[in-house]
Amino acid sequence: MVYGILKHALMITVFVFVMMLIVDFLDMFSKKRLTAVMKGGIWRQYAVASFLGATPGCLGAFMDVSLYVHGLISFGALTGAMIATSGDEAFVMLVKFPGTALALFGLLFILSIPLGWVTDRIVRRTGYLPCESCTLHEYHAEEGVHQFNWNGLIENLTDLSAARHTLVFVFGFFALTILLGIAGPQGWDWKRVTLLILLSLGLVTIVAASDHYLEDHIWSHIIKTHIWRIFLWTFFALLVVHLGLKYWSVRSLISNNIPWMFLLGALLGIIPESGPHLVFVMLFAEGVIPFSVLFTSSFVQDGHGMLPLLSYTVKDSILIKVFNLAFGLGVGMLLYIAGC
């Protein structure tokens, strides 16, 4: 049990690290052009973040967290992204009831954009400062990275520093374990291919980066400040959830308390885990619960998407869940009253 959770936590942490690395590198390499693109309009942030969140699995949600902690999307945009996210259960829904699943994803995406805007309006009125624990680096022209020229790549490879040597080994090791099927998805699906591509991009980034950028941004900031926290939060969250589900029969509880399914679906959605929601997916597939219950649970839950954010700011994570729970219960109740 512990080994499986440890492996799962490591894979999530490595993926988050790669996404953070790529986003940070592109932002610095482009002299903040990526920032300018995302800040071209607040509605663009809502739409792009929600689209990433609506993609099946947790990869898009992880990307949104990386964009958020780099200041590229607003608190409301991240809230909307978590509304649109259905986690790994999205794949099961596409298999069990594809038509309804696509309608559900589309509805969540459409609602997430205006609700993201509403969230930002509420946050501004309260004076709350989101992500105040996240320290961001400012760009300085003199600390630019290698422009991906062959001389720079060869120089970095022939004179590996301790940090670069360690990171090259770690990325190469994880790429090999995924390639051999030891870690990550066992079959050759899009997740496995995506992980290999991202690890390859991360490896190129590490090799191409200047010594200053590698030491100051990657090693001192991303790894020493954030990555270890992400791993610990992820590991213990998965452990607590696993133990809770093992000794608490969710399926039995739902079957014996049908009137409370609606509220229970929303409350279980608070758990940062892809798993508990599958109960509602299967019950809906069997015609036991109405669409409104499935919708509410999908609305509130975000798979593993929230886990990386916990390492940056617990307050923001809790507040996003509060918004999603309130919005989810409100919209879900309207659907329930409408007979859906």
Protein backbone atom coordinates (compact mmCIF):
# COMPACT_ATOMS: atom_id res chain seq x y z
CA MET A 1 0.00 0.00 0.00
CA VAL A 2 2.63 2.53 1.08
CA TYR A 3 4.84 1.66 -1.90
CA GLY A 4 1.99 2.25 -4.33
CA ILE A 5 1.11 5.59 -2.73
CA LEU A 6 4.78 6.60 -2.69
CA LYS A 7 5.14 5.78 -6.40
CA HIS A 8 1.95 7.67 -7.20
CA ALA A 9 3.08 10.70 -5.20
CA LEU A 10 6.48 10.66 -6.92
CA MET A 11 4.88 10.59 -10.37
CA ILE A 12 2.59 13.51 -9.54
CA THR A 13 5.51 15.46 -8.07
CA VAL A 14 7.75 14.82 -11.08
CA PHE A 15 5.02 15.88 -13.49
CA VAL A 16 4.31 19.05 -11.50
CA PHE A 17 8.05 19.80 -11.41
CA VAL A 18 8.32 19.40 -15.19
CA MET A 19 5.34 21.68 -15.78
CA MET A 20 6.72 24.29 -13.37
CA LEU A 21 10.12 24.05 -15.04
CA ILE A 22 8.76 24.44 -18.56
CA VAL A 23 6.42 27.31 -17.67
CA ASP A 24 9.10 29.16 -15.72
CA PHE A 25 11.74 28.59 -18.42
CA LEU A 26 9.46 29.71 -21.25
CA ASP A 27 8.43 32.76 -19.25
CA MET A 28 12.06 33.77 -18.62
CA PHE A 29 13.31 32.72 -22.06
CA SER A 30 10.64 34.77 -23.81
CA LYS A 31 11.34 37.82 -21.63
CA LYS A 32 7.83 37.58 -20.20
CA ARG A 33 6.13 37.17 -23.60
CA LEU A 34 4.21 34.21 -22.17
CA THR A 35 3.00 36.49 -19.39
CA ALA A 36 1.89 39.04 -21.98
CA VAL A 37 -0.04 36.38 -23.91
CA MET A 38 -1.93 35.15 -20.85
CA LYS A 39 -2.55 38.69 -19.65
CA GLY A 40 -3.85 39.82 -23.02
CA GLY A 41 -7.32 39.82 -21.49
CA ILE A 42 -8.97 38.48 -18.37
CA TRP A 43 -11.54 36.56 -20.42
CA ARG A 44 -8.69 34.87 -22.26
CA GLN A 45 -7.38 33.68 -18.91
CA TYR A 46 -10.79 32.30 -17.97
CA ALA A 47 -11.23 30.54 -21.31
CA VAL A 48 -7.72 29.05 -21.57
CA ALA A 49 -7.59 27.97 -17.91
CA SER A 50 -11.04 26.39 -18.11
CA PHE A 51 -10.18 24.64 -21.36
CA LEU A 52 -7.06 23.13 -19.77
CA GLY A 53 -9.12 22.09 -16.77
CA ALA A 54 -11.81 20.52 -18.96
CA THR A 55 -9.33 18.17 -20.63
CA PRO A 56 -9.67 14.61 -19.24
CA GLY A 57 -7.35 13.70 -16.40
CA CYS A 58 -5.40 15.94 -14.05
CA LEU A 59 -2.69 17.14 -16.42
CA GLY A 60 -4.53 20.30 -17.45
CA ALA A 61 -5.31 21.15 -13.82
CA PHE A 62 -1.62 20.77 -12.90
CA MET A 63 -0.74 23.13 -15.74
CA ASP A 64 -3.27 25.67 -14.44
CA VAL A 65 -1.71 25.54 -10.97
CA SER A 66 1.72 26.17 -12.52
CA LEU A 67 0.33 29.14 -14.45
CA TYR A 68 -1.35 30.48 -11.32
CA VAL A 69 1.70 30.36 -9.07
CA HIS A 70 3.67 32.10 -11.81
CA GLY A 71 1.12 34.91 -11.81
CA LEU A 72 -0.15 34.17 -15.32
CA ILE A 73 -3.80 33.58 -14.41
CA SER A 74 -6.02 35.06 -11.74
CA PHE A 75 -7.55 33.43 -8.67
CA GLY A 76 -10.92 33.36 -10.42
CA ALA A 77 -9.42 31.75 -13.52
CA LEU A 78 -7.95 28.96 -11.38
CA THR A 79 -11.28 28.56 -9.57
CA GLY A 80 -13.02 28.22 -12.93
CA ALA A 81 -10.41 25.72 -14.07
CA MET A 82 -11.08 23.55 -11.01
CA ILE A 83 -14.82 23.75 -11.76
CA ALA A 84 -14.20 22.48 -15.29
CA THR A 85 -11.91 19.67 -14.09
CA SER A 86 -13.34 16.16 -13.71
CA GLY A 87 -10.09 14.32 -12.98
CA ASP A 88 -9.36 10.79 -14.15
CA GLU A 89 -13.03 9.90 -13.76
CA ALA A 90 -13.56 11.71 -17.06
CA PHE A 91 -12.09 8.71 -18.90
CA VAL A 92 -14.45 6.31 -17.15
CA MET A 93 -17.44 8.52 -17.95
CA LEU A 94 -16.43 8.64 -21.62
CA VAL A 95 -16.45 4.85 -21.67
CA LYS A 96 -19.66 4.30 -19.67
CA PHE A 97 -21.82 7.09 -21.13
CA PRO A 98 -19.89 9.14 -23.74
CA GLY A 99 -22.74 11.34 -24.89
CA THR A 100 -23.75 12.42 -21.38
CA ALA A 101 -20.10 12.78 -20.41
CA LEU A 102 -19.38 15.21 -23.24
CA ALA A 103 -22.49 17.18 -22.33
CA LEU A 104 -21.33 17.29 -18.70
CA PHE A 105 -17.83 18.49 -19.66
CA GLY A 106 -19.29 21.11 -21.96
CA LEU A 107 -21.67 22.39 -19.30
CA LEU A 108 -18.89 22.61 -16.72
CA PHE A 109 -16.68 24.50 -19.19
CA ILE A 110 -19.42 26.97 -20.10
CA LEU A 111 -20.28 27.65 -16.44
CA SER A 112 -16.65 27.87 -15.30
CA ILE A 113 -15.91 31.02 -17.34
CA PRO A 114 -18.58 33.37 -15.90
CA LEU A 115 -18.21 31.84 -12.42
CA GLY A 116 -14.47 32.52 -12.60
CA TRP A 117 -15.29 36.16 -13.30
CA VAL A 118 -17.78 36.23 -10.41
CA THR A 119 -15.12 34.76 -8.11
CA ASP A 120 -12.60 37.47 -9.01
CA ARG A 121 -15.23 40.16 -8.39
CA ILE A 122 -16.05 38.75 -4.97
CA VAL A 123 -12.37 38.38 -4.03
CA ARG A 124 -11.61 41.98 -5.02
CA ARG A 125 -14.49 43.30 -2.96
CA THR A 126 -13.32 41.43 0.13
CA GLY A 127 -9.75 42.70 -0.25
CA TYR A 128 -8.30 39.19 -0.04
CA LEU A 129 -4.78 38.81 -1.53
CA PRO A 130 -4.48 35.41 -3.24
CA CYS A 131 -1.23 33.45 -3.48
CA GLU A 132 0.54 35.71 -1.01
CA SER A 133 2.88 32.85 -0.03
CA CYS A 134 4.12 32.43 -3.60
CA THR A 135 7.37 34.27 -4.27
CA LEU A 136 7.94 34.99 -7.95
CA HIS A 137 11.19 35.92 -9.69
CA GLU A 138 11.41 39.06 -11.75
CA TYR A 139 13.09 38.91 -15.13
CA HIS A 140 16.37 40.71 -15.73
CA ALA A 141 17.86 40.85 -19.21
CA GLU A 142 21.37 40.09 -18.01
CA GLU A 143 20.32 36.76 -16.52
CA GLY A 144 18.94 35.33 -19.76
CA VAL A 145 19.36 31.69 -20.68
CA HIS A 146 21.17 30.07 -23.59
CA GLN A 147 19.33 30.64 -26.87
CA PHE A 148 19.37 26.91 -27.70
CA ASN A 149 22.54 27.18 -29.78
CA TRP A 150 24.76 24.14 -30.23
CA ASN A 151 27.75 25.78 -28.54
CA GLY A 152 25.75 26.37 -25.37
CA LEU A 153 24.35 22.83 -25.33
CA ILE A 154 27.76 21.23 -25.90
CA GLU A 155 29.36 23.42 -23.22
CA ASN A 156 26.72 22.48 -20.66
CA LEU A 157 27.00 18.77 -21.46
CA THR A 158 30.79 18.67 -21.34
CA ASP A 159 30.98 20.59 -18.06
CA LEU A 160 28.10 19.32 -15.95
CA SER A 161 27.67 21.05 -12.60
CA ALA A 162 26.51 19.03 -9.59
CA ALA A 163 22.96 20.41 -9.89
CA ARG A 164 22.76 19.80 -13.64
CA HIS A 165 24.25 16.32 -13.28
CA THR A 166 21.69 15.42 -10.58
CA LEU A 167 18.73 16.71 -12.58
CA VAL A 168 19.84 15.01 -15.80
CA PHE A 169 20.10 11.71 -13.89
CA VAL A 170 16.68 12.14 -12.22
CA PHE A 171 14.90 13.02 -15.47
CA GLY A 172 16.66 10.23 -17.35
CA PHE A 173 15.78 7.72 -14.63
CA PHE A 174 12.09 8.62 -14.58
CA ALA A 175 11.92 8.65 -18.39
CA LEU A 176 13.39 5.14 -18.42
CA THR A 177 10.96 3.82 -15.79
CA ILE A 178 8.00 5.21 -17.76
CA LEU A 179 9.38 3.86 -21.03
CA LEU A 180 9.71 0.39 -19.49
CA GLY A 181 6.29 0.56 -17.83
CA ILE A 182 7.71 0.40 -14.30
CA ALA A 183 6.11 3.72 -13.37
CA GLY A 184 3.16 5.62 -14.77
CA PRO A 185 0.56 4.13 -17.13
CA GLN A 186 1.17 0.48 -17.97
CA GLY A 187 -0.16 0.70 -21.52
CA TRP A 188 0.88 2.94 -24.39
CA ASP A 189 -1.85 5.55 -24.06
CA TRP A 190 -1.76 9.31 -24.47
CA LYS A 191 -0.81 9.79 -20.81
CA ARG A 192 2.33 7.72 -21.18
CA VAL A 193 3.32 9.49 -24.40
CA THR A 194 2.61 12.90 -22.86
CA LEU A 195 4.75 12.13 -19.81
CA LEU A 196 7.66 11.04 -22.01
CA ILE A 197 7.38 14.15 -24.17
CA LEU A 198 7.25 16.44 -21.14
CA LEU A 199 10.20 14.70 -19.48
CA SER A 200 12.14 15.10 -22.72
CA LEU A 201 11.29 18.79 -22.86
CA GLY A 202 12.31 19.14 -19.21
CA LEU A 203 15.62 17.42 -19.94
CA VAL A 204 16.30 19.76 -22.87
CA THR A 205 15.47 22.72 -20.65
CA ILE A 206 17.91 21.58 -17.98
CA VAL A 207 20.69 21.07 -20.52
CA ALA A 208 20.03 24.37 -22.32
CA ALA A 209 19.63 26.60 -19.27
CA SER A 210 22.45 28.85 -18.14
CA ASP A 211 24.29 28.04 -14.91
CA HIS A 212 22.79 31.09 -13.23
CA TYR A 213 19.24 30.18 -14.21
CA LEU A 214 19.76 26.54 -13.22
CA GLU A 215 21.16 27.38 -9.79
CA ASP A 216 18.97 30.36 -8.93
CA HIS A 217 15.60 29.51 -10.47
CA ILE A 218 15.46 25.74 -10.79
CA TRP A 219 17.57 24.50 -7.89
CA SER A 220 17.19 27.20 -5.23
CA HIS A 221 13.65 28.33 -5.98
CA ILE A 222 11.63 25.50 -7.54
CA ILE A 223 13.30 22.50 -5.87
CA LYS A 224 14.38 23.81 -2.47
CA THR A 225 11.33 26.00 -1.93
CA HIS A 226 8.44 24.09 -3.49
CA ILE A 227 9.06 20.56 -4.76
CA TRP A 228 9.65 18.89 -1.40
CA ARG A 229 6.46 20.47 -0.08
CA ILE A 230 4.52 19.25 -3.10
CA PHE A 231 5.76 15.71 -2.55
CA LEU A 232 4.93 15.68 1.18
CA TRP A 233 1.46 17.19 0.68
CA THR A 234 0.73 14.75 -2.14
CA PHE A 235 1.99 11.68 -0.30
CA PHE A 236 0.16 12.32 2.98
CA ALA A 237 -3.04 13.45 1.23
CA LEU A 238 -3.09 10.22 -0.79
CA LEU A 239 -2.29 8.18 2.34
CA VAL A 240 -5.08 9.77 4.39
CA VAL A 241 -7.59 9.36 1.58
CA HIS A 242 -6.60 5.72 1.02
CA LEU A 243 -6.95 4.85 4.72
CA GLY A 244 -10.23 6.74 4.97
CA LEU A 245 -11.74 4.94 2.00
CA LYS A 246 -10.47 1.58 3.22
CA TYR A 247 -12.20 1.84 6.59
CA TRP A 248 -15.21 3.90 5.45
CA SER A 249 -17.55 2.20 2.99
CA VAL A 250 -18.62 5.08 0.79
CA ARG A 251 -20.78 2.92 -1.46
CA SER A 252 -22.66 1.42 1.51
CA LEU A 253 -23.18 4.85 3.04
CA ILE A 254 -24.68 6.22 -0.17
CA SER A 255 -26.96 3.23 -0.73
CA ASN A 256 -28.38 3.50 2.80
CA ASN A 257 -28.84 7.27 2.73
CA ILE A 258 -30.31 8.09 -0.67
CA PRO A 259 -31.84 11.48 0.40
CA TRP A 260 -28.35 12.66 1.36
CA MET A 261 -26.70 11.70 -1.94
CA PHE A 262 -26.85 15.22 -3.30
CA LEU A 263 -25.01 16.77 -0.35
CA LEU A 264 -22.70 13.79 0.03
CA GLY A 265 -21.66 14.04 -3.62
CA ALA A 266 -20.62 17.64 -3.08
CA LEU A 267 -18.80 16.91 0.19
CA LEU A 268 -16.89 13.98 -1.30
CA GLY A 269 -15.87 16.31 -4.10
CA ILE A 270 -13.80 18.25 -1.57
CA ILE A 271 -11.41 15.28 -1.25
CA PRO A 272 -8.32 15.93 -3.44
CA GLU A 273 -8.36 12.48 -5.00
CA SER A 274 -9.44 10.77 -8.19
CA GLY A 275 -11.41 7.84 -6.80
CA PRO A 276 -14.35 8.64 -4.51
CA HIS A 277 -16.22 10.26 -7.39
CA LEU A 278 -16.16 6.97 -9.30
CA VAL A 279 -18.90 5.72 -6.97
CA PHE A 280 -21.25 8.36 -8.37
CA VAL A 281 -20.14 7.63 -11.92
CA MET A 282 -21.05 3.97 -11.54
CA LEU A 283 -24.30 4.70 -9.72
CA PHE A 284 -25.33 7.09 -12.49
CA ALA A 285 -24.39 4.53 -15.15
CA GLU A 286 -26.72 2.06 -13.38
CA GLY A 287 -29.51 4.65 -13.24
CA VAL A 288 -29.46 4.83 -9.42
CA ILE A 289 -28.82 8.58 -9.11
CA PRO A 290 -30.00 11.52 -11.26
CA PHE A 291 -27.73 13.65 -13.45
CA SER A 292 -27.86 16.53 -10.96
CA VAL A 293 -26.04 14.43 -8.32
CA LEU A 294 -23.33 13.40 -10.79
CA PHE A 295 -23.03 16.99 -11.97
CA THR A 296 -22.65 18.37 -8.43
CA SER A 297 -19.94 15.87 -7.56
CA SER A 298 -18.11 16.57 -10.84
CA PHE A 299 -18.46 20.31 -10.27
CA VAL A 300 -16.90 20.30 -6.80
CA GLN A 301 -14.24 17.60 -7.27
CA ASP A 302 -11.03 18.28 -9.21
CA GLY A 303 -9.18 14.97 -9.03
CA HIS A 304 -5.57 15.51 -7.97
CA GLY A 305 -5.61 19.01 -9.43
CA MET A 306 -5.63 20.78 -6.06
CA LEU A 307 -2.76 18.82 -4.48
CA PRO A 308 0.12 20.92 -5.91
CA LEU A 309 -1.57 24.16 -4.83
CA LEU A 310 -1.63 22.99 -1.21
CA SER A 311 2.16 23.24 -1.09
CA TYR A 312 2.01 26.91 -2.06
CA THR A 313 -0.94 28.20 -0.11
CA VAL A 314 -3.42 26.30 2.02
CA LYS A 315 -5.65 29.38 2.30
CA ASP A 316 -6.11 29.69 -1.45
CA SER A 317 -6.78 25.96 -1.75
CA ILE A 318 -9.46 26.07 0.93
CA LEU A 319 -11.05 29.22 -0.51
CA ILE A 320 -11.23 27.72 -4.00
CA LYS A 321 -12.97 24.67 -2.55
CA VAL A 322 -15.40 26.93 -0.67
CA PHE A 323 -16.31 28.75 -3.89
CA ASN A 324 -16.66 25.50 -5.83
CA LEU A 325 -18.77 23.90 -3.10
CA ALA A 326 -21.12 26.91 -2.92
CA PHE A 327 -21.42 27.24 -6.70
CA GLY A 328 -21.76 23.48 -7.16
CA LEU A 329 -24.53 23.14 -4.61
CA GLY A 330 -26.35 26.14 -6.07
CA VAL A 331 -26.25 25.05 -9.72
CA GLY A 332 -26.75 21.38 -8.82
CA MET A 333 -29.85 22.21 -6.79
CA LEU A 334 -31.32 24.12 -9.73
CA LEU A 335 -30.76 21.08 -11.96
CA TYR A 336 -32.28 18.82 -9.31
CA ILE A 337 -35.38 21.04 -9.00
CA ALA A 338 -35.64 21.07 -12.81
CA GLY A 339 -35.82 17.28 -12.70
CA CYS A 340 -32.41 16.54 -14.23
